[in-house]
């Protein structure tokens, strides 16, 4: 039983790490999309004037 415990612990840790990196990736992706929209908006505005 003691032999298996560190493994399950590391497995949980690994899952948490994956979850965290997934959240971070989502946030970054959202920000990039927002930035791209903003940049496009600025360029269009610039061309209009």
PDB file of N, CA and C in Angstrom:
ATOM      1  N   UNK A   1       0.830  -1.199   0.000  1.00  0.00           N
ATOM      2  CA  UNK A   1       0.000   0.000   0.000  1.00  0.00           C
ATOM      3  C   UNK A   1       0.871   1.259   0.000  1.00  0.00           C
ATOM      4  N   UNK A   2       1.908   1.228   0.801  1.00  0.00           N
ATOM      5  CA  UNK A   2       2.802   2.381   0.882  1.00  0.00           C
ATOM      6  C   UNK A   2       3.555   2.617  -0.415  1.00  0.00           C
ATOM      7  N   UNK A   3       3.743   1.555  -1.161  1.00  0.00           N
ATOM      8  CA  UNK A   3       4.472   1.666  -2.428  1.00  0.00           C
ATOM      9  C   UNK A   3       3.623   2.449  -3.438  1.00  0.00           C
ATOM     10  N   UNK A   4       2.324   2.245  -3.389  1.00  0.00           N
ATOM     11  CA  UNK A   4       1.427   2.893  -4.343  1.00  0.00           C
ATOM     12  C   UNK A   4       1.131   4.357  -4.017  1.00  0.00           C
ATOM     13  N   UNK A   5       1.245   4.718  -2.768  1.00  0.00           N
ATOM     14  CA  UNK A   5       0.849   6.074  -2.371  1.00  0.00           C
ATOM     15  C   UNK A   5       1.622   7.189  -3.069  1.00  0.00           C
ATOM     16  N   UNK A   6       2.926   7.130  -3.133  1.00  0.00           N
ATOM     17  CA  UNK A   6       3.649   8.210  -3.831  1.00  0.00           C
ATOM     18  C   UNK A   6       3.216   8.334  -5.287  1.00  0.00           C
ATOM     19  N   UNK A   7       2.926   7.192  -5.895  1.00  0.00           N
ATOM     20  CA  UNK A   7       2.517   7.210  -7.298  1.00  0.00           C
ATOM     21  C   UNK A   7       1.200   7.970  -7.462  1.00  0.00           C
ATOM     22  N   UNK A   8       0.213   7.642  -6.625  1.00  0.00           N
ATOM     23  CA  UNK A   8      -1.086   8.311  -6.721  1.00  0.00           C
ATOM     24  C   UNK A   8      -0.934   9.792  -6.415  1.00  0.00           C
ATOM     25  N   UNK A   9      -0.067  10.109  -5.492  1.00  0.00           N
ATOM     26  CA  UNK A   9       0.193  11.498  -5.143  1.00  0.00           C
ATOM     27  C   UNK A   9       0.745  12.246  -6.349  1.00  0.00           C
ATOM     28  N   UNK A  10       1.728  11.658  -6.978  1.00  0.00           N
ATOM     29  CA  UNK A  10       2.330  12.305  -8.145  1.00  0.00           C
ATOM     30  C   UNK A  10       1.326  12.385  -9.293  1.00  0.00           C
ATOM     31  N   UNK A  11       0.462  11.392  -9.369  1.00  0.00           N
ATOM     32  CA  UNK A  11      -0.567  11.387 -10.411  1.00  0.00           C
ATOM     33  C   UNK A  11      -1.522  12.557 -10.195  1.00  0.00           C
ATOM     34  N   UNK A  12      -1.946  12.756  -8.959  1.00  0.00           N
ATOM     35  CA  UNK A  12      -2.814  13.890  -8.639  1.00  0.00           C
ATOM     36  C   UNK A  12      -2.110  15.196  -8.929  1.00  0.00           C
ATOM     37  N   UNK A  13      -0.864  15.254  -8.564  1.00  0.00           N
ATOM     38  CA  UNK A  13      -0.079  16.459  -8.807  1.00  0.00           C
ATOM     39  C   UNK A  13      -0.016  16.735 -10.306  1.00  0.00           C
ATOM     40  N   UNK A  14       0.207  15.693 -11.064  1.00  0.00           N
ATOM     41  CA  UNK A  14       0.293  15.812 -12.518  1.00  0.00           C
ATOM     42  C   UNK A  14      -1.022  16.339 -13.085  1.00  0.00           C
ATOM     43  N   UNK A  15      -2.129  15.804 -12.584  1.00  0.00           N
ATOM     44  CA  UNK A  15      -3.449  16.247 -13.043  1.00  0.00           C
ATOM     45  C   UNK A  15      -3.655  17.722 -12.729  1.00  0.00           C
ATOM     46  N   UNK A  16      -3.266  18.118 -11.522  1.00  0.00           N
ATOM     47  CA  UNK A  16      -3.388  19.524 -11.135  1.00  0.00           C
ATOM     48  C   UNK A  16      -2.563  20.406 -12.051  1.00  0.00           C
ATOM     49  N   UNK A  17      -1.372  19.954 -12.363  1.00  0.00           N
ATOM     50  CA  UNK A  17      -0.495  20.718 -13.248  1.00  0.00           C
ATOM     51  C   UNK A  17      -1.126  20.871 -14.624  1.00  0.00           C
ATOM     52  N   UNK A  18      -1.676  19.803 -15.133  1.00  0.00           N
ATOM     53  CA  UNK A  18      -2.335  19.838 -16.440  1.00  0.00           C
ATOM     54  C   UNK A  18      -3.504  20.806 -16.411  1.00  0.00           C
ATOM     55  N   UNK A  19      -4.282  20.716 -15.348  1.00  0.00           N
ATOM     56  CA  UNK A  19      -5.452  21.575 -15.188  1.00  0.00           C
ATOM     57  C   UNK A  19      -5.035  23.038 -15.171  1.00  0.00           C
ATOM     58  N   UNK A  20      -4.004  23.322 -14.395  1.00  0.00           N
ATOM     59  CA  UNK A  20      -3.492  24.689 -14.289  1.00  0.00           C
ATOM     60  C   UNK A  20      -3.007  25.203 -15.632  1.00  0.00           C
ATOM     61  N   UNK A  21      -2.204  24.418 -16.300  1.00  0.00           N
ATOM     62  CA  UNK A  21      -1.669  24.851 -17.594  1.00  0.00           C
ATOM     63  C   UNK A  21      -2.793  25.024 -18.611  1.00  0.00           C
ATOM     64  N   UNK A  22      -3.837  24.225 -18.474  1.00  0.00           N
ATOM     65  CA  UNK A  22      -4.998  24.347 -19.363  1.00  0.00           C
ATOM     66  C   UNK A  22      -5.689  25.689 -19.130  1.00  0.00           C
ATOM     67  N   UNK A  23      -5.873  26.042 -17.871  1.00  0.00           N
ATOM     68  CA  UNK A  23      -6.508  27.324 -17.527  1.00  0.00           C
ATOM     69  C   UNK A  23      -5.657  28.471 -18.038  1.00  0.00           C
ATOM     70  N   UNK A  24      -4.362  28.390 -17.792  1.00  0.00           N
ATOM     71  CA  UNK A  24      -3.446  29.446 -18.227  1.00  0.00           C
ATOM     72  C   UNK A  24      -3.500  29.585 -19.746  1.00  0.00           C
ATOM     73  N   UNK A  25      -3.500  28.453 -20.437  1.00  0.00           N
ATOM     74  CA  UNK A  25      -3.566  28.461 -21.897  1.00  0.00           C
ATOM     75  C   UNK A  25      -4.843  29.141 -22.382  1.00  0.00           C
ATOM     76  N   UNK A  26      -5.964  28.809 -21.725  1.00  0.00           N
ATOM     77  CA  UNK A  26      -7.249  29.411 -22.090  1.00  0.00           C
ATOM     78  C   UNK A  26      -7.218  30.917 -21.926  1.00  0.00           C
ATOM     79  N   UNK A  27      -6.693  31.352 -20.787  1.00  0.00           N
ATOM     80  CA  UNK A  27      -6.628  32.788 -20.499  1.00  0.00           C
ATOM     81  C   UNK A  27      -5.769  33.489 -21.545  1.00  0.00           C
ATOM     82  N   UNK A  28      -4.618  32.916 -21.837  1.00  0.00           N
ATOM     83  CA  UNK A  28      -3.703  33.514 -22.817  1.00  0.00           C
ATOM     84  C   UNK A  28      -4.369  33.571 -24.187  1.00  0.00           C
ATOM     85  N   UNK A  29      -5.041  32.487 -24.557  1.00  0.00           N
ATOM     86  CA  UNK A  29      -5.722  32.435 -25.849  1.00  0.00           C
ATOM     87  C   UNK A  29      -6.772  33.533 -25.943  1.00  0.00           C
ATOM     88  N   UNK A  30      -7.546  33.679 -24.872  1.00  0.00           N
ATOM     89  CA  UNK A  30      -8.577  34.708 -24.830  1.00  0.00           C
ATOM     90  C   UNK A  30      -7.954  36.088 -25.000  1.00  0.00           C
ATOM     91  N   UNK A  31      -6.863  36.314 -24.310  1.00  0.00           N
ATOM     92  CA  UNK A  31      -6.179  37.605 -24.374  1.00  0.00           C
ATOM     93  C   UNK A  31      -5.644  37.864 -25.781  1.00  0.00           C
ATOM     94  N   UNK A  32      -5.086  36.845 -26.396  1.00  0.00           N
ATOM     95  CA  UNK A  32      -4.538  36.988 -27.752  1.00  0.00           C
ATOM     96  C   UNK A  32      -5.658  37.338 -28.727  1.00  0.00           C
ATOM     97  N   UNK A  33      -6.792  36.660 -28.602  1.00  0.00           N
ATOM     98  CA  UNK A  33      -7.938  36.941 -29.474  1.00  0.00           C
ATOM     99  C   UNK A  33      -8.397  38.379 -29.270  1.00  0.00           C
ATOM    100  N   UNK A  34      -8.463  38.793 -27.999  1.00  0.00           N
ATOM    101  CA  UNK A  34      -8.884  40.152 -27.674  1.00  0.00           C
ATOM    102  C   UNK A  34      -7.905  41.160 -28.276  1.00  0.00           C
ATOM    103  N   UNK A  35      -6.629  40.885 -28.141  1.00  0.00           N
ATOM    104  CA  UNK A  35      -5.601  41.774 -28.684  1.00  0.00           C
ATOM    105  C   UNK A  35      -5.690  41.857 -30.198  1.00  0.00           C
ATOM    106  N   UNK A  36      -5.905  40.728 -30.834  1.00  0.00           N
ATOM    107  CA  UNK A  36      -6.013  40.708 -32.294  1.00  0.00           C
ATOM    108  C   UNK A  36      -7.214  41.513 -32.767  1.00  0.00           C
ATOM    109  N   UNK A  37      -8.324  41.371 -32.065  1.00  0.00           N
ATOM    110  CA  UNK A  37      -9.515  42.151 -32.412  1.00  0.00           C
ATOM    111  C   UNK A  37      -9.210  43.629 -32.269  1.00  0.00           C
ATOM    112  N   UNK A  38      -8.534  43.968 -31.196  1.00  0.00           N
ATOM    113  CA  UNK A  38      -8.189  45.359 -30.931  1.00  0.00           C
ATOM    114  C   UNK A  38      -7.269  45.910 -32.020  1.00  0.00           C
ATOM    115  N   UNK A  39      -6.281  45.113 -32.375  1.00  0.00           N
ATOM    116  CA  UNK A  39      -5.341  45.528 -33.427  1.00  0.00           C
ATOM    117  C   UNK A  39      -6.068  45.731 -34.750  1.00  0.00           C
ATOM    118  N   UNK A  40      -6.927  44.798 -35.095  1.00  0.00           N
ATOM    119  CA  UNK A  40      -7.703  44.901 -36.333  1.00  0.00           C
ATOM    120  C   UNK A  40      -8.551  46.158 -36.307  1.00  0.00           C
ATOM    121  N   UNK A  41      -9.175  46.400 -35.172  1.00  0.00           N
ATOM    122  CA  UNK A  41     -10.008  47.592 -34.995  1.00  0.00           C
ATOM    123  C   UNK A  41      -9.182  48.856 -35.213  1.00  0.00           C
ATOM    124  N   UNK A  42      -7.992  48.893 -34.640  1.00  0.00           N
ATOM    125  CA  UNK A  42      -7.113  50.055 -34.774  1.00  0.00           C
ATOM    126  C   UNK A  42      -6.702  50.262 -36.233  1.00  0.00           C
ATOM    127  N   UNK A  43      -6.357  49.186 -36.899  1.00  0.00           N
ATOM    128  CA  UNK A  43      -5.923  49.270 -38.303  1.00  0.00           C
ATOM    129  C   UNK A  43      -7.074  49.782 -39.168  1.00  0.00           C
ATOM    130  N   UNK A  44      -8.268  49.230 -38.961  1.00  0.00           N
ATOM    131  CA  UNK A  44      -9.443  49.647 -39.731  1.00  0.00           C
ATOM    132  C   UNK A  44      -9.724  51.123 -39.481  1.00  0.00           C
ATOM    133  N   UNK A  45      -9.650  51.521 -38.236  1.00  0.00           N
ATOM    134  CA  UNK A  45      -9.862  52.926 -37.876  1.00  0.00           C
ATOM    135  C   UNK A  45      -8.838  53.819 -38.553  1.00  0.00           C
ATOM    136  N   UNK A  46      -7.628  53.360 -38.582  1.00  0.00           N
ATOM    137  CA  UNK A  46      -6.534  54.117 -39.185  1.00  0.00           C
ATOM    138  C   UNK A  46      -6.777  54.279 -40.687  1.00  0.00           C
ATOM    139  N   UNK A  47      -7.235  53.236 -41.330  1.00  0.00           N
ATOM    140  CA  UNK A  47      -7.486  53.279 -42.769  1.00  0.00           C
ATOM    141  C   UNK A  47      -8.671  54.178 -43.103  1.00  0.00           C
ATOM    142  N   UNK A  48      -9.653  54.201 -42.223  1.00  0.00           N
ATOM    143  CA  UNK A  48     -10.843  55.036 -42.441  1.00  0.00           C
ATOM    144  C   UNK A  48     -10.483  56.517 -42.450  1.00  0.00           C
ATOM    145  N   UNK A  49      -9.592  56.908 -41.554  1.00  0.00           N
ATOM    146  CA  UNK A  49      -9.268  58.337 -41.396  1.00  0.00           C
ATOM    147  C   UNK A  49      -8.368  58.881 -42.485  1.00  0.00           C
TER     148      UNK A  49
END
